PDB file of all heavy atoms in Angstrom:
ATOM      1  N   ILE A   1     -13.489  64.470  -3.142  1.00  0.00           N
ATOM      2  CA  ILE A   1     -14.301  65.273  -4.049  1.00  0.00           C
ATOM      3  C   ILE A   1     -14.496  66.644  -3.429  1.00  0.00           C
ATOM      4  O   ILE A   1     -15.042  66.766  -2.322  1.00  0.00           O
ATOM      5  CB  ILE A   1     -15.669  64.611  -4.298  1.00  0.00           C
ATOM      6  CG1 ILE A   1     -15.499  63.205  -4.863  1.00  0.00           C
ATOM      7  CG2 ILE A   1     -16.508  65.467  -5.254  1.00  0.00           C
ATOM      8  CD1 ILE A   1     -16.807  62.433  -4.948  1.00  0.00           C
ATOM      9  N   PHE A   2     -14.051  67.683  -4.119  1.00  0.00           N
ATOM     10  CA  PHE A   2     -14.242  69.060  -3.683  1.00  0.00           C
ATOM     11  C   PHE A   2     -15.327  69.701  -4.547  1.00  0.00           C
ATOM     12  O   PHE A   2     -15.282  69.611  -5.780  1.00  0.00           O
ATOM     13  CB  PHE A   2     -12.954  69.865  -3.811  1.00  0.00           C
ATOM     14  CG  PHE A   2     -11.822  69.365  -2.954  1.00  0.00           C
ATOM     15  CD1 PHE A   2     -10.798  68.613  -3.515  1.00  0.00           C
ATOM     16  CD2 PHE A   2     -11.792  69.637  -1.595  1.00  0.00           C
ATOM     17  CE1 PHE A   2      -9.748  68.148  -2.728  1.00  0.00           C
ATOM     18  CE2 PHE A   2     -10.748  69.168  -0.800  1.00  0.00           C
ATOM     19  CZ  PHE A   2      -9.726  68.425  -1.370  1.00  0.00           C
ATOM     20  N   LYS A   3     -16.291  70.353  -3.915  1.00  0.00           N
ATOM     21  CA  LYS A   3     -17.336  71.077  -4.631  1.00  0.00           C
ATOM     22  C   LYS A   3     -17.388  72.507  -4.104  1.00  0.00           C
ATOM     23  O   LYS A   3     -17.585  72.729  -2.907  1.00  0.00           O
ATOM     24  CB  LYS A   3     -18.695  70.406  -4.447  1.00  0.00           C
ATOM     25  CG  LYS A   3     -18.788  69.017  -5.079  1.00  0.00           C
ATOM     26  CD  LYS A   3     -20.183  68.423  -4.915  1.00  0.00           C
ATOM     27  CE  LYS A   3     -20.265  67.046  -5.548  1.00  0.00           C
ATOM     28  NZ  LYS A   3     -21.630  66.456  -5.419  1.00  0.00           N
ATOM     29  N   ALA A   4     -17.205  73.466  -5.012  1.00  0.00           N
ATOM     30  CA  ALA A   4     -17.220  74.880  -4.636  1.00  0.00           C
ATOM     31  C   ALA A   4     -18.244  75.608  -5.493  1.00  0.00           C
ATOM     32  O   ALA A   4     -18.167  75.569  -6.727  1.00  0.00           O
ATOM     33  CB  ALA A   4     -15.833  75.497  -4.829  1.00  0.00           C
ATOM     34  N   GLY A   5     -19.207  76.241  -4.840  1.00  0.00           N
ATOM     35  CA  GLY A   5     -20.265  76.952  -5.556  1.00  0.00           C
ATOM     36  C   GLY A   5     -20.156  78.451  -5.349  1.00  0.00           C
ATOM     37  O   GLY A   5     -19.711  78.905  -4.289  1.00  0.00           O
ATOM     38  N   SER A   6     -20.571  79.208  -6.349  1.00  0.00           N
ATOM     39  CA  SER A   6     -20.438  80.665  -6.212  1.00  0.00           C
ATOM     40  C   SER A   6     -21.375  81.437  -7.125  1.00  0.00           C
ATOM     41  O   SER A   6     -21.805  80.961  -8.162  1.00  0.00           O
ATOM     42  CB  SER A   6     -18.997  81.095  -6.539  1.00  0.00           C
ATOM     43  OG  SER A   6     -18.716  80.874  -7.923  1.00  0.00           O
ATOM     44  N   ASP A   7     -21.675  82.617  -6.684  1.00  0.00           N
ATOM     45  CA  ASP A   7     -22.273  83.703  -7.449  1.00  0.00           C
ATOM     46  C   ASP A   7     -21.671  84.977  -6.816  1.00  0.00           C
ATOM     47  O   ASP A   7     -22.092  85.375  -5.731  1.00  0.00           O
ATOM     48  CB  ASP A   7     -23.800  83.690  -7.301  1.00  0.00           C
ATOM     49  CG  ASP A   7     -24.495  84.834  -8.045  1.00  0.00           C
ATOM     50  OD1 ASP A   7     -23.797  85.748  -8.536  1.00  0.00           O
ATOM     51  OD2 ASP A   7     -25.725  84.836  -8.092  1.00  0.00           O
ATOM     52  N   ASP A   8     -20.544  85.506  -7.294  1.00  0.00           N
ATOM     53  CA  ASP A   8     -20.027  85.372  -8.634  1.00  0.00           C
ATOM     54  C   ASP A   8     -18.834  84.386  -8.731  1.00  0.00           C
ATOM     55  O   ASP A   8     -19.011  83.233  -9.020  1.00  0.00           O
ATOM     56  CB  ASP A   8     -19.606  86.750  -9.155  1.00  0.00           C
ATOM     57  CG  ASP A   8     -20.803  87.652  -9.395  1.00  0.00           C
ATOM     58  OD1 ASP A   8     -21.666  87.282 -10.193  1.00  0.00           O
ATOM     59  OD2 ASP A   8     -20.883  88.732  -8.775  1.00  0.00           O
ATOM     60  N   GLY A   9     -17.606  84.876  -8.460  1.00  0.00           N
ATOM     61  CA  GLY A   9     -16.422  84.094  -8.761  1.00  0.00           C
ATOM     62  C   GLY A   9     -15.886  83.291  -7.598  1.00  0.00           C
ATOM     63  O   GLY A   9     -16.085  83.639  -6.429  1.00  0.00           O
ATOM     64  N   ILE A  10     -15.139  82.195  -7.926  1.00  0.00           N
ATOM     65  CA  ILE A  10     -14.543  81.368  -6.879  1.00  0.00           C
ATOM     66  C   ILE A  10     -13.295  80.671  -7.399  1.00  0.00           C
ATOM     67  O   ILE A  10     -13.212  80.321  -8.588  1.00  0.00           O
ATOM     68  CB  ILE A  10     -15.560  80.334  -6.354  1.00  0.00           C
ATOM     69  CG1 ILE A  10     -15.151  79.810  -4.978  1.00  0.00           C
ATOM     70  CG2 ILE A  10     -15.742  79.180  -7.351  1.00  0.00           C
ATOM     71  CD1 ILE A  10     -16.266  79.145  -4.209  1.00  0.00           C
ATOM     72  N   ILE A  11     -12.321  80.480  -6.505  1.00  0.00           N
ATOM     73  CA  ILE A  11     -11.088  79.745  -6.799  1.00  0.00           C
ATOM     74  C   ILE A  11     -10.772  78.870  -5.600  1.00  0.00           C
ATOM     75  O   ILE A  11     -10.818  79.330  -4.451  1.00  0.00           O
ATOM     76  CB  ILE A  11      -9.899  80.691  -7.078  1.00  0.00           C
ATOM     77  CG1 ILE A  11     -10.106  81.468  -8.387  1.00  0.00           C
ATOM     78  CG2 ILE A  11      -8.585  79.917  -7.139  1.00  0.00           C
ATOM     79  CD1 ILE A  11      -9.018  82.503  -8.665  1.00  0.00           C
ATOM     80  N   LEU A  12     -10.429  77.607  -5.847  1.00  0.00           N
ATOM     81  CA  LEU A  12     -10.011  76.702  -4.785  1.00  0.00           C
ATOM     82  C   LEU A  12      -8.610  76.193  -5.079  1.00  0.00           C
ATOM     83  O   LEU A  12      -8.330  75.719  -6.187  1.00  0.00           O
ATOM     84  CB  LEU A  12     -10.969  75.509  -4.668  1.00  0.00           C
ATOM     85  CG  LEU A  12     -10.531  74.399  -3.704  1.00  0.00           C
ATOM     86  CD1 LEU A  12     -10.522  74.900  -2.259  1.00  0.00           C
ATOM     87  CD2 LEU A  12     -11.423  73.162  -3.847  1.00  0.00           C
ATOM     88  N   SER A  13      -7.741  76.278  -4.070  1.00  0.00           N
ATOM     89  CA  SER A  13      -6.389  75.737  -4.172  1.00  0.00           C
ATOM     90  C   SER A  13      -6.197  74.669  -3.108  1.00  0.00           C
ATOM     91  O   SER A  13      -6.668  74.828  -1.972  1.00  0.00           O
ATOM     92  CB  SER A  13      -5.345  76.840  -3.971  1.00  0.00           C
ATOM     93  OG  SER A  13      -5.481  77.845  -4.958  1.00  0.00           O
ATOM     94  N   VAL A  14      -5.530  73.593  -3.482  1.00  0.00           N
ATOM     95  CA  VAL A  14      -5.206  72.516  -2.549  1.00  0.00           C
ATOM     96  C   VAL A  14      -3.692  72.336  -2.555  1.00  0.00           C
ATOM     97  O   VAL A  14      -3.099  72.068  -3.605  1.00  0.00           O
ATOM     98  CB  VAL A  14      -5.902  71.192  -2.940  1.00  0.00           C
ATOM     99  CG1 VAL A  14      -5.516  70.087  -1.961  1.00  0.00           C
ATOM    100  CG2 VAL A  14      -7.415  71.373  -2.979  1.00  0.00           C
ATOM    101  N   ASP A  15      -3.091  72.522  -1.392  1.00  0.00           N
ATOM    102  CA  ASP A  15      -1.632  72.426  -1.255  1.00  0.00           C
ATOM    103  C   ASP A  15      -0.921  73.311  -2.274  1.00  0.00           C
ATOM    104  O   ASP A  15       0.095  72.927  -2.875  1.00  0.00           O
ATOM    105  CB  ASP A  15      -1.172  70.970  -1.399  1.00  0.00           C
ATOM    106  CG  ASP A  15      -1.688  70.091  -0.265  1.00  0.00           C
ATOM    107  OD1 ASP A  15      -1.894  70.608   0.845  1.00  0.00           O
ATOM    108  OD2 ASP A  15      -1.905  68.887  -0.513  1.00  0.00           O
ATOM    109  N   GLY A  16      -1.469  74.491  -2.505  1.00  0.00           N
ATOM    110  CA  GLY A  16      -0.839  75.474  -3.379  1.00  0.00           C
ATOM    111  C   GLY A  16      -1.169  75.342  -4.850  1.00  0.00           C
ATOM    112  O   GLY A  16      -0.777  76.200  -5.652  1.00  0.00           O
ATOM    113  N   SER A  17      -1.899  74.299  -5.232  1.00  0.00           N
ATOM    114  CA  SER A  17      -2.263  74.114  -6.643  1.00  0.00           C
ATOM    115  C   SER A  17      -3.731  74.474  -6.855  1.00  0.00           C
ATOM    116  O   SER A  17      -4.610  73.983  -6.127  1.00  0.00           O
ATOM    117  CB  SER A  17      -2.030  72.659  -7.064  1.00  0.00           C
ATOM    118  OG  SER A  17      -0.677  72.302  -6.947  1.00  0.00           O
ATOM    119  N   VAL A  18      -3.995  75.310  -7.842  1.00  0.00           N
ATOM    120  CA  VAL A  18      -5.373  75.696  -8.154  1.00  0.00           C
ATOM    121  C   VAL A  18      -6.079  74.513  -8.818  1.00  0.00           C
ATOM    122  O   VAL A  18      -5.615  73.998  -9.840  1.00  0.00           O
ATOM    123  CB  VAL A  18      -5.414  76.923  -9.085  1.00  0.00           C
ATOM    124  CG1 VAL A  18      -6.847  77.221  -9.509  1.00  0.00           C
ATOM    125  CG2 VAL A  18      -4.814  78.135  -8.377  1.00  0.00           C
ATOM    126  N   VAL A  19      -7.204  74.084  -8.236  1.00  0.00           N
ATOM    127  CA  VAL A  19      -7.933  72.942  -8.781  1.00  0.00           C
ATOM    128  C   VAL A  19      -9.310  73.350  -9.316  1.00  0.00           C
ATOM    129  O   VAL A  19      -9.901  72.649 -10.142  1.00  0.00           O
ATOM    130  CB  VAL A  19      -8.096  71.820  -7.730  1.00  0.00           C
ATOM    131  CG1 VAL A  19      -6.729  71.268  -7.352  1.00  0.00           C
ATOM    132  CG2 VAL A  19      -8.833  72.308  -6.493  1.00  0.00           C
ATOM    133  N   ILE A  20      -9.833  74.475  -8.838  1.00  0.00           N
ATOM    134  CA  ILE A  20     -11.090  75.026  -9.348  1.00  0.00           C
ATOM    135  C   ILE A  20     -10.868  76.508  -9.590  1.00  0.00           C
ATOM    136  O   ILE A  20     -10.373  77.221  -8.714  1.00  0.00           O
ATOM    137  CB  ILE A  20     -12.255  74.825  -8.362  1.00  0.00           C
ATOM    138  CG1 ILE A  20     -12.651  73.349  -8.297  1.00  0.00           C
ATOM    139  CG2 ILE A  20     -13.473  75.675  -8.753  1.00  0.00           C
ATOM    140  CD1 ILE A  20     -13.728  73.036  -7.260  1.00  0.00           C
ATOM    141  N   SER A  21     -11.216  76.974 -10.775  1.00  0.00           N
ATOM    142  CA  SER A  21     -11.027  78.392 -11.100  1.00  0.00           C
ATOM    143  C   SER A  21     -12.189  78.882 -11.948  1.00  0.00           C
ATOM    144  O   SER A  21     -12.301  78.560 -13.130  1.00  0.00           O
ATOM    145  CB  SER A  21      -9.701  78.604 -11.844  1.00  0.00           C
ATOM    146  OG  SER A  21      -9.503  79.976 -12.127  1.00  0.00           O
ATOM    147  N   SER A  22     -13.070  79.635 -11.328  1.00  0.00           N
ATOM    148  CA  SER A  22     -14.194  80.270 -12.039  1.00  0.00           C
ATOM    149  C   SER A  22     -14.288  81.714 -11.552  1.00  0.00           C
ATOM    150  O   SER A  22     -15.264  82.107 -10.908  1.00  0.00           O
ATOM    151  CB  SER A  22     -15.500  79.513 -11.770  1.00  0.00           C
ATOM    152  OG  SER A  22     -15.464  78.219 -12.316  1.00  0.00           O
ATOM    153  N   TRP A  23     -13.247  82.474 -11.838  1.00  0.00           N
ATOM    154  CA  TRP A  23     -13.142  83.849 -11.357  1.00  0.00           C
ATOM    155  C   TRP A  23     -13.831  84.789 -12.346  1.00  0.00           C
ATOM    156  O   TRP A  23     -13.224  85.578 -13.049  1.00  0.00           O
ATOM    157  CB  TRP A  23     -11.672  84.228 -11.184  1.00  0.00           C
ATOM    158  CG  TRP A  23     -11.425  85.345 -10.214  1.00  0.00           C
ATOM    159  CD1 TRP A  23     -10.916  86.579 -10.498  1.00  0.00           C
ATOM    160  CD2 TRP A  23     -11.654  85.323  -8.803  1.00  0.00           C
ATOM    161  NE1 TRP A  23     -10.816  87.339  -9.361  1.00  0.00           N
ATOM    162  CE2 TRP A  23     -11.269  86.580  -8.291  1.00  0.00           C
ATOM    163  CE3 TRP A  23     -12.162  84.384  -7.913  1.00  0.00           C
ATOM    164  CZ2 TRP A  23     -11.361  86.918  -6.936  1.00  0.00           C
ATOM    165  CZ3 TRP A  23     -12.260  84.705  -6.574  1.00  0.00           C
ATOM    166  CH2 TRP A  23     -11.868  85.957  -6.092  1.00  0.00           C
ATOM    167  N   VAL A  24     -15.169  84.674 -12.384  1.00  0.00           N
ATOM    168  CA  VAL A  24     -15.986  85.435 -13.333  1.00  0.00           C
ATOM    169  C   VAL A  24     -17.290  85.835 -12.657  1.00  0.00           C
ATOM    170  O   VAL A  24     -17.687  85.255 -11.643  1.00  0.00           O
ATOM    171  CB  VAL A  24     -16.310  84.594 -14.592  1.00  0.00           C
ATOM    172  CG1 VAL A  24     -15.047  84.293 -15.386  1.00  0.00           C
ATOM    173  CG2 VAL A  24     -17.024  83.303 -14.208  1.00  0.00           C
ATOM    174  N   THR A  25     -17.959  86.813 -13.234  1.00  0.00           N
ATOM    175  CA  THR A  25     -19.313  87.124 -12.784  1.00  0.00           C
ATOM    176  C   THR A  25     -20.269  86.105 -13.406  1.00  0.00           C
ATOM    177  O   THR A  25     -20.215  85.850 -14.611  1.00  0.00           O
ATOM    178  CB  THR A  25     -19.727  88.549 -13.194  1.00  0.00           C
ATOM    179  OG1 THR A  25     -19.560  88.698 -14.610  1.00  0.00           O
ATOM    180  CG2 THR A  25     -18.882  89.593 -12.474  1.00  0.00           C
ATOM    181  N   ARG A  26     -21.129  85.504 -12.602  1.00  0.00           N
ATOM    182  CA  ARG A  26     -22.035  84.465 -13.095  1.00  0.00           C
ATOM    183  C   ARG A  26     -23.149  84.243 -12.082  1.00  0.00           C
ATOM    184  O   ARG A  26     -23.054  84.655 -10.922  1.00  0.00           O
ATOM    185  CB  ARG A  26     -21.279  83.146 -13.303  1.00  0.00           C
ATOM    186  CG  ARG A  26     -20.720  82.540 -12.020  1.00  0.00           C
ATOM    187  CD  ARG A  26     -20.075  81.192 -12.275  1.00  0.00           C
ATOM    188  NE  ARG A  26     -19.629  80.546 -11.035  1.00  0.00           N
ATOM    189  CZ  ARG A  26     -19.101  79.339 -10.951  1.00  0.00           C
ATOM    190  NH1 ARG A  26     -18.914  78.633 -12.059  1.00  0.00           N
ATOM    191  NH2 ARG A  26     -18.729  78.819  -9.794  1.00  0.00           N
ATOM    192  N   GLY A  27     -24.206  83.576 -12.514  1.00  0.00           N
ATOM    193  CA  GLY A  27     -25.214  83.102 -11.599  1.00  0.00           C
ATOM    194  C   GLY A  27     -24.675  81.923 -10.816  1.00  0.00           C
ATOM    195  O   GLY A  27     -23.627  81.359 -11.157  1.00  0.00           O
ATOM    196  N   TYR A  28     -25.391  81.522  -9.769  1.00  0.00           N
ATOM    197  CA  TYR A  28     -24.878  80.467  -8.905  1.00  0.00           C
ATOM    198  C   TYR A  28     -24.654  79.171  -9.681  1.00  0.00           C
ATOM    199  O   TYR A  28     -25.522  78.686 -10.402  1.00  0.00           O
ATOM    200  CB  TYR A  28     -25.854  80.201  -7.755  1.00  0.00           C
ATOM    201  CG  TYR A  28     -25.380  79.107  -6.824  1.00  0.00           C
ATOM    202  CD1 TYR A  28     -24.311  79.320  -5.968  1.00  0.00           C
ATOM    203  CD2 TYR A  28     -25.993  77.858  -6.826  1.00  0.00           C
ATOM    204  CE1 TYR A  28     -23.861  78.325  -5.126  1.00  0.00           C
ATOM    205  CE2 TYR A  28     -25.553  76.846  -5.978  1.00  0.00           C
ATOM    206  CZ  TYR A  28     -24.486  77.092  -5.132  1.00  0.00           C
ATOM    207  OH  TYR A  28     -24.057  76.096  -4.289  1.00  0.00           O
ATOM    208  N   ALA A  29     -23.452  78.621  -9.524  1.00  0.00           N
ATOM    209  CA  ALA A  29     -23.080  77.354 -10.149  1.00  0.00           C
ATOM    210  C   ALA A  29     -22.068  76.666  -9.250  1.00  0.00           C
ATOM    211  O   ALA A  29     -21.382  77.312  -8.448  1.00  0.00           O
ATOM    212  CB  ALA A  29     -22.494  77.584 -11.547  1.00  0.00           C
ATOM    213  N   VAL A  30     -21.985  75.346  -9.374  1.00  0.00           N
ATOM    214  CA  VAL A  30     -21.082  74.551  -8.535  1.00  0.00           C
ATOM    215  C   VAL A  30     -20.039  73.872  -9.414  1.00  0.00           C
ATOM    216  O   VAL A  30     -20.373  73.209 -10.400  1.00  0.00           O
ATOM    217  CB  VAL A  30     -21.851  73.487  -7.727  1.00  0.00           C
ATOM    218  CG1 VAL A  30     -20.882  72.629  -6.925  1.00  0.00           C
ATOM    219  CG2 VAL A  30     -22.873  74.157  -6.808  1.00  0.00           C
ATOM    220  N   ASP A  31     -18.768  74.043  -9.078  1.00  0.00           N
ATOM    221  CA  ASP A  31     -17.664  73.378  -9.753  1.00  0.00           C
ATOM    222  C   ASP A  31     -17.182  72.220  -8.890  1.00  0.00           C
ATOM    223  O   ASP A  31     -17.184  72.303  -7.656  1.00  0.00           O
ATOM    224  CB  ASP A  31     -16.510  74.350  -9.999  1.00  0.00           C
ATOM    225  CG  ASP A  31     -16.930  75.506 -10.893  1.00  0.00           C
ATOM    226  OD1 ASP A  31     -17.244  75.254 -12.067  1.00  0.00           O
ATOM    227  OD2 ASP A  31     -16.948  76.653 -10.401  1.00  0.00           O
TER     228      ASP A  31
END
């Protein structure tokens, strides 16, 4: 289980594949 939180944007890649993509301005949230 991967959890990535951000204010503003965040992207997580695992072995070259993007699994979390919230590349936006926003208040803190966890994907």
